[in-house]
Amino acid sequence: MPNDISLAARQRFRQQLQNVEYADEIIDSLNEYLNRFIPFSANFSSSNWSTIYEYETNNDSTTMVTYSIIGKESNLVQAGFKRTAIFYTENNTTQGINLLHSDYTNKTQNQFDVRMISNSNKIILQVKGASNNLTKWNGSIQIEKLNG
């Protein structure tokens, strides 16, 4: 499985656990790292914007979101996107910092699209299929954040 922790990492972890004094710190750090990666999948039959994921931000924070997502309607109708955007939240209102993207996009139909927007204190990832046929979406989001 591609997300398994390597044998070398497991051995280092076991060595660290021998010193129980640091076990909680190690586990907390590992959980914090793993919680930055969020997988998702959904099916939509729409060429309109559909929300696939929402992330609630903390006040007085900066958040960088990177997502990789693929969509497929049929063998000949598919798309892939990888994008990064930075948002900040102040007074419980989230706004994007220059939301123009220069990351990777490849699609067989121009109607496919993906966007990140903000609403109140949320970052919202939305997708749009090439037609009103069923589109299967699959991907992941990586979230980096700074509070205060």
C-alpha atoms as a PDB file:
ATOM      1  CA  MET A   1       0.000   0.000   0.000  1.00  0.00           C
ATOM      2  CA  PRO A   2       1.527   3.354  -0.986  1.00  0.00           C
ATOM      3  CA  ASN A   3       0.674   5.142   2.286  1.00  0.00           C
ATOM      4  CA  ASP A   4       2.261   2.547   4.577  1.00  0.00           C
ATOM      5  CA  ILE A   5       5.018   3.732   6.894  1.00  0.00           C
ATOM      6  CA  SER A   6       8.371   2.336   5.718  1.00  0.00           C
ATOM      7  CA  LEU A   7      10.266  -0.349   7.606  1.00  0.00           C
ATOM      8  CA  ALA A   8      13.046   2.111   8.443  1.00  0.00           C
ATOM      9  CA  ALA A   9      10.526   4.596   9.857  1.00  0.00           C
ATOM     10  CA  ARG A  10       8.920   1.835  11.918  1.00  0.00           C
ATOM     11  CA  GLN A  11      12.306   0.877  13.371  1.00  0.00           C
ATOM     12  CA  ARG A  12      13.075   4.492  14.290  1.00  0.00           C
ATOM     13  CA  PHE A  13       9.622   4.769  15.881  1.00  0.00           C
ATOM     14  CA  ARG A  14      10.205   1.613  17.966  1.00  0.00           C
ATOM     15  CA  GLN A  15      13.561   2.963  19.145  1.00  0.00           C
ATOM     16  CA  GLN A  16      11.951   6.239  20.169  1.00  0.00           C
ATOM     17  CA  LEU A  17       9.156   4.431  22.006  1.00  0.00           C
ATOM     18  CA  GLN A  18      11.719   2.720  24.192  1.00  0.00           C
ATOM     19  CA  ASN A  19      12.086   6.087  25.833  1.00  0.00           C
ATOM     20  CA  VAL A  20       8.439   6.374  26.976  1.00  0.00           C
ATOM     21  CA  GLU A  21       8.979   9.956  28.040  1.00  0.00           C
ATOM     22  CA  TYR A  22       8.693  11.020  24.360  1.00  0.00           C
ATOM     23  CA  ALA A  23       6.028   8.531  23.180  1.00  0.00           C
ATOM     24  CA  ASP A  24       3.111  11.002  23.366  1.00  0.00           C
ATOM     25  CA  GLU A  25       5.076  13.679  21.506  1.00  0.00           C
ATOM     26  CA  ILE A  26       5.919  11.229  18.734  1.00  0.00           C
ATOM     27  CA  ILE A  27       2.359   9.993  18.367  1.00  0.00           C
ATOM     28  CA  ASP A  28       0.973  13.546  18.446  1.00  0.00           C
ATOM     29  CA  SER A  29       3.435  14.612  15.728  1.00  0.00           C
ATOM     30  CA  LEU A  30       2.569  11.612  13.585  1.00  0.00           C
ATOM     31  CA  ASN A  31      -1.162  12.277  13.938  1.00  0.00           C
ATOM     32  CA  GLU A  32      -0.675  15.954  13.095  1.00  0.00           C
ATOM     33  CA  TYR A  33       1.254  14.994   9.956  1.00  0.00           C
ATOM     34  CA  LEU A  34      -1.300  12.404   8.817  1.00  0.00           C
ATOM     35  CA  ASN A  35      -4.240  14.754   9.440  1.00  0.00           C
ATOM     36  CA  ARG A  36      -2.822  17.185   6.840  1.00  0.00           C
ATOM     37  CA  PHE A  37      -3.797  14.744   4.055  1.00  0.00           C
ATOM     38  CA  ILE A  38      -7.514  14.315   3.380  1.00  0.00           C
ATOM     39  CA  PRO A  39      -8.743  11.842   0.730  1.00  0.00           C
ATOM     40  CA  PHE A  40     -12.147  12.313  -0.909  1.00  0.00           C
ATOM     41  CA  SER A  41     -14.336  10.875  -3.641  1.00  0.00           C
ATOM     42  CA  ALA A  42     -17.810  11.703  -4.912  1.00  0.00           C
ATOM     43  CA  ASN A  43     -20.149  11.260  -7.862  1.00  0.00           C
ATOM     44  CA  PHE A  44     -22.114  14.122  -9.402  1.00  0.00           C
ATOM     45  CA  SER A  45     -24.402  14.276 -12.436  1.00  0.00           C
ATOM     46  CA  SER A  46     -24.087  17.965 -13.147  1.00  0.00           C
ATOM     47  CA  SER A  47     -22.267  20.458 -15.307  1.00  0.00           C
ATOM     48  CA  ASN A  48     -22.914  23.036 -12.544  1.00  0.00           C
ATOM     49  CA  TRP A  49     -20.629  23.650  -9.564  1.00  0.00           C
ATOM     50  CA  SER A  50     -20.879  20.924  -6.900  1.00  0.00           C
ATOM     51  CA  THR A  51     -19.146  21.131  -3.517  1.00  0.00           C
ATOM     52  CA  ILE A  52     -16.847  18.176  -2.963  1.00  0.00           C
ATOM     53  CA  TYR A  53     -15.105  19.327   0.252  1.00  0.00           C
ATOM     54  CA  GLU A  54     -15.302  22.095   2.881  1.00  0.00           C
ATOM     55  CA  TYR A  55     -12.580  23.037   5.345  1.00  0.00           C
ATOM     56  CA  GLU A  56     -13.314  25.282   8.324  1.00  0.00           C
ATOM     57  CA  THR A  57     -10.463  27.648   9.174  1.00  0.00           C
ATOM     58  CA  ASN A  58      -9.417  29.119  12.509  1.00  0.00           C
ATOM     59  CA  ASN A  59      -9.635  32.854  13.122  1.00  0.00           C
ATOM     60  CA  ASP A  60      -6.328  34.726  12.716  1.00  0.00           C
ATOM     61  CA  SER A  61      -4.826  31.942  10.581  1.00  0.00           C
ATOM     62  CA  THR A  62      -3.170  31.396   7.224  1.00  0.00           C
ATOM     63  CA  THR A  63      -3.938  28.190   5.344  1.00  0.00           C
ATOM     64  CA  MET A  64      -2.311  26.735   2.234  1.00  0.00           C
ATOM     65  CA  VAL A  65      -4.410  24.136   0.416  1.00  0.00           C
ATOM     66  CA  THR A  66      -3.014  21.886  -2.317  1.00  0.00           C
ATOM     67  CA  TYR A  67      -5.309  19.446  -4.028  1.00  0.00           C
ATOM     68  CA  SER A  68      -4.967  16.742  -6.638  1.00  0.00           C
ATOM     69  CA  ILE A  69      -8.211  15.580  -8.223  1.00  0.00           C
ATOM     70  CA  ILE A  70      -9.286  13.536 -11.210  1.00  0.00           C
ATOM     71  CA  GLY A  71     -12.718  13.328 -12.803  1.00  0.00           C
ATOM     72  CA  LYS A  72     -14.043  10.751 -15.235  1.00  0.00           C
ATOM     73  CA  GLU A  73     -17.331  10.562 -17.140  1.00  0.00           C
ATOM     74  CA  SER A  74     -16.261   7.825 -19.574  1.00  0.00           C
ATOM     75  CA  ASN A  75     -13.102   6.379 -21.095  1.00  0.00           C
ATOM     76  CA  LEU A  76     -12.788   9.350 -23.444  1.00  0.00           C
ATOM     77  CA  VAL A  77     -14.088  12.110 -21.132  1.00  0.00           C
ATOM     78  CA  GLN A  78     -11.797  12.788 -18.185  1.00  0.00           C
ATOM     79  CA  ALA A  79      -9.733  15.471 -16.465  1.00  0.00           C
ATOM     80  CA  GLY A  80      -7.033  15.991 -13.857  1.00  0.00           C
ATOM     81  CA  PHE A  81      -6.124  19.023 -11.776  1.00  0.00           C
ATOM     82  CA  LYS A  82      -3.450  19.918  -9.225  1.00  0.00           C
ATOM     83  CA  ARG A  83      -3.697  23.348  -7.670  1.00  0.00           C
ATOM     84  CA  THR A  84      -2.458  25.334  -4.688  1.00  0.00           C
ATOM     85  CA  ALA A  85      -3.985  28.393  -3.029  1.00  0.00           C
ATOM     86  CA  ILE A  86      -3.408  30.370   0.148  1.00  0.00           C
ATOM     87  CA  PHE A  87      -6.193  31.761   2.325  1.00  0.00           C
ATOM     88  CA  TYR A  88      -6.189  33.897   5.438  1.00  0.00           C
ATOM     89  CA  THR A  89      -8.889  34.252   8.076  1.00  0.00           C
ATOM     90  CA  GLU A  90      -9.353  37.477   9.985  1.00  0.00           C
ATOM     91  CA  ASN A  91     -12.438  38.523  11.978  1.00  0.00           C
ATOM     92  CA  ASN A  92     -13.895  35.065  11.173  1.00  0.00           C
ATOM     93  CA  THR A  93     -13.872  35.843   7.445  1.00  0.00           C
ATOM     94  CA  THR A  94     -11.745  33.764   5.071  1.00  0.00           C
ATOM     95  CA  GLN A  95     -10.315  35.277   1.900  1.00  0.00           C
ATOM     96  CA  GLY A  96      -7.998  33.945  -0.764  1.00  0.00           C
ATOM     97  CA  ILE A  97      -4.660  35.549  -1.502  1.00  0.00           C
ATOM     98  CA  ASN A  98      -4.409  36.048  -5.277  1.00  0.00           C
ATOM     99  CA  LEU A  99      -6.399  32.953  -6.274  1.00  0.00           C
ATOM    100  CA  LEU A 100      -4.926  32.712  -9.767  1.00  0.00           C
ATOM    101  CA  HIS A 101      -3.394  29.278 -10.296  1.00  0.00           C
ATOM    102  CA  SER A 102      -0.505  28.183 -12.441  1.00  0.00           C
ATOM    103  CA  ASP A 103      -0.481  24.546 -11.420  1.00  0.00           C
ATOM    104  CA  TYR A 104      -1.254  21.498 -13.548  1.00  0.00           C
ATOM    105  CA  THR A 105      -4.513  21.001 -15.498  1.00  0.00           C
ATOM    106  CA  ASN A 106      -5.249  18.415 -18.200  1.00  0.00           C
ATOM    107  CA  LYS A 107      -8.716  17.665 -19.579  1.00  0.00           C
ATOM    108  CA  THR A 108     -10.334  16.098 -22.624  1.00  0.00           C
ATOM    109  CA  GLN A 109     -13.334  18.458 -22.477  1.00  0.00           C
ATOM    110  CA  ASN A 110     -13.062  22.186 -21.739  1.00  0.00           C
ATOM    111  CA  GLN A 111     -16.222  22.129 -19.596  1.00  0.00           C
ATOM    112  CA  PHE A 112     -14.455  20.260 -16.751  1.00  0.00           C
ATOM    113  CA  ASP A 113     -13.390  22.647 -14.014  1.00  0.00           C
ATOM    114  CA  VAL A 114     -12.345  22.791 -10.374  1.00  0.00           C
ATOM    115  CA  ARG A 115     -12.149  25.805  -8.073  1.00  0.00           C
ATOM    116  CA  MET A 116     -11.485  26.812  -4.493  1.00  0.00           C
ATOM    117  CA  ILE A 117     -13.596  29.590  -3.033  1.00  0.00           C
ATOM    118  CA  SER A 118     -14.171  30.978   0.443  1.00  0.00           C
ATOM    119  CA  ASN A 119     -17.416  31.596   2.269  1.00  0.00           C
ATOM    120  CA  SER A 120     -17.505  32.945   5.824  1.00  0.00           C
ATOM    121  CA  ASN A 121     -14.726  30.990   7.606  1.00  0.00           C
ATOM    122  CA  LYS A 122     -14.641  28.049   5.160  1.00  0.00           C
ATOM    123  CA  ILE A 123     -12.523  27.073   2.188  1.00  0.00           C
ATOM    124  CA  ILE A 124     -14.692  25.225  -0.337  1.00  0.00           C
ATOM    125  CA  LEU A 125     -13.523  22.918  -3.133  1.00  0.00           C
ATOM    126  CA  GLN A 126     -15.987  22.663  -6.015  1.00  0.00           C
ATOM    127  CA  VAL A 127     -16.013  20.593  -9.212  1.00  0.00           C
ATOM    128  CA  LYS A 128     -17.896  20.824 -12.481  1.00  0.00           C
ATOM    129  CA  GLY A 129     -18.350  17.917 -14.912  1.00  0.00           C
ATOM    130  CA  ALA A 130     -18.141  18.179 -18.680  1.00  0.00           C
ATOM    131  CA  SER A 131     -21.861  17.376 -19.049  1.00  0.00           C
ATOM    132  CA  ASN A 132     -24.869  16.319 -16.988  1.00  0.00           C
ATOM    133  CA  ASN A 133     -23.702  12.689 -17.135  1.00  0.00           C
ATOM    134  CA  LEU A 134     -22.378  10.997 -14.000  1.00  0.00           C
ATOM    135  CA  THR A 135     -18.843  12.172 -13.230  1.00  0.00           C
ATOM    136  CA  LYS A 136     -16.751  10.234 -10.714  1.00  0.00           C
ATOM    137  CA  TRP A 137     -14.295  12.382  -8.776  1.00  0.00           C
ATOM    138  CA  ASN A 138     -11.369  11.170  -6.700  1.00  0.00           C
ATOM    139  CA  GLY A 139      -8.512  13.014  -5.050  1.00  0.00           C
ATOM    140  CA  SER A 140      -6.832  14.339  -1.960  1.00  0.00           C
ATOM    141  CA  ILE A 141      -6.168  17.631  -0.232  1.00  0.00           C
ATOM    142  CA  GLN A 142      -3.079  18.630   1.697  1.00  0.00           C
ATOM    143  CA  ILE A 143      -3.551  21.381   4.277  1.00  0.00           C
ATOM    144  CA  GLU A 144      -0.805  23.473   5.876  1.00  0.00           C
ATOM    145  CA  LYS A 145      -1.852  26.051   8.447  1.00  0.00           C
ATOM    146  CA  LEU A 146      -0.433  28.683  10.781  1.00  0.00           C
ATOM    147  CA  ASN A 147      -2.503  29.939  13.684  1.00  0.00           C
ATOM    148  CA  GLY A 148      -2.101  33.235  15.493  1.00  0.00           C
END
